[in-house]
Amino acid sequence: MSAGYVLVNVEPGSESEVHKIVRKLDCVTDANMLFGDYDLIVKIEADSMGEIARYVVESIRAIPGVANTKTLACAEM
């Protein structure tokens, strides 16, 4: 099992709506709104990092209001 965190910037005023949508995605195990440089942090778990990358591109970046994402891959040791 692979895990990653996605830092998300959204358009002003769309934080709550994007948060609601993200929490409903199958791949998402946790999501929280933030104060600071990023608006949301999202934890994703999947079978591989490739699958996580696909979820970010096809599911999270496709949400109306999402402006930018930064994916942090968890180390598998």
Protein backbone atom coordinates (compact mmCIF):
# COMPACT_ATOMS: atom_id res chain seq x y z
CA MET A 1 0.00 0.00 0.00
CA SER A 2 1.32 3.44 -0.95
CA ALA A 3 0.38 6.73 0.69
CA GLY A 4 0.79 10.36 -0.22
CA TYR A 5 -0.30 13.78 0.92
CA VAL A 6 -1.61 16.38 -1.48
CA LEU A 7 -1.35 20.07 -0.62
CA VAL A 8 -4.12 21.94 -2.42
CA ASN A 9 -4.64 25.61 -3.26
CA VAL A 10 -8.18 26.63 -4.18
CA GLU A 11 -9.85 29.69 -5.59
CA PRO A 12 -10.87 32.14 -2.84
CA GLY A 13 -14.24 31.29 -1.35
CA SER A 14 -14.32 27.68 -2.59
CA GLU A 15 -12.48 26.06 0.32
CA SER A 16 -15.52 24.46 1.96
CA GLU A 17 -17.01 23.14 -1.27
CA VAL A 18 -13.72 21.62 -2.46
CA HIS A 19 -13.20 20.09 0.99
CA LYS A 20 -16.66 18.44 0.86
CA ILE A 21 -16.02 16.99 -2.60
CA VAL A 22 -12.50 15.75 -1.77
CA ARG A 23 -13.67 13.91 1.37
CA LYS A 24 -16.10 11.85 -0.75
CA LEU A 25 -13.42 10.48 -3.12
CA ASP A 26 -12.72 6.76 -2.70
CA CYS A 27 -8.95 7.17 -2.58
CA VAL A 28 -9.01 9.83 0.17
CA THR A 29 -8.51 8.62 3.74
CA ASP A 30 -8.34 12.07 5.39
CA ALA A 31 -8.71 15.72 4.38
CA ASN A 32 -8.35 18.90 6.42
CA MET A 33 -8.59 22.61 5.75
CA LEU A 34 -5.46 24.62 6.57
CA PHE A 35 -4.35 28.16 7.31
CA GLY A 36 -1.20 29.33 5.55
CA ASP A 37 0.35 28.71 2.14
CA TYR A 38 -2.06 25.87 1.28
CA ASP A 39 -5.81 25.60 1.76
CA LEU A 40 -6.22 21.82 2.14
CA ILE A 41 -4.14 18.77 2.96
CA VAL A 42 -5.42 15.46 1.63
CA LYS A 43 -4.16 11.97 2.47
CA ILE A 44 -4.46 9.39 -0.31
CA GLU A 45 -3.84 5.65 -0.07
CA ALA A 46 -3.63 3.35 -3.09
CA ASP A 47 -1.86 0.25 -4.35
CA SER A 48 0.96 2.23 -6.00
CA MET A 49 2.38 5.72 -6.41
CA GLY A 50 1.26 5.60 -10.04
CA GLU A 51 -2.31 5.12 -8.90
CA ILE A 52 -1.97 8.03 -6.47
CA ALA A 53 -0.64 10.24 -9.27
CA ARG A 54 -3.61 9.25 -11.43
CA TYR A 55 -6.07 10.07 -8.62
CA VAL A 56 -4.50 13.50 -8.18
CA VAL A 57 -4.67 14.35 -11.87
CA GLU A 58 -8.04 12.80 -12.70
CA SER A 59 -9.97 13.35 -9.45
CA ILE A 60 -8.53 16.17 -7.35
CA ARG A 61 -7.30 18.55 -10.06
CA ALA A 62 -10.61 18.09 -11.90
CA ILE A 63 -12.63 19.57 -9.01
CA PRO A 64 -13.94 23.05 -9.85
CA GLY A 65 -12.10 25.61 -7.72
CA VAL A 66 -8.82 23.69 -7.40
CA ALA A 67 -6.04 26.01 -8.54
CA ASN A 68 -2.86 24.08 -7.74
CA THR A 69 -1.67 20.86 -6.09
CA LYS A 70 1.61 19.58 -4.68
CA THR A 71 1.92 15.85 -4.02
CA LEU A 72 4.21 14.51 -1.31
CA ALA A 73 4.95 10.79 -1.59
CA CYS A 74 5.44 8.87 1.64
CA ALA A 75 8.69 6.89 1.81
CA GLU A 76 8.33 3.15 1.51
CA MET A 77 11.18 1.52 3.43
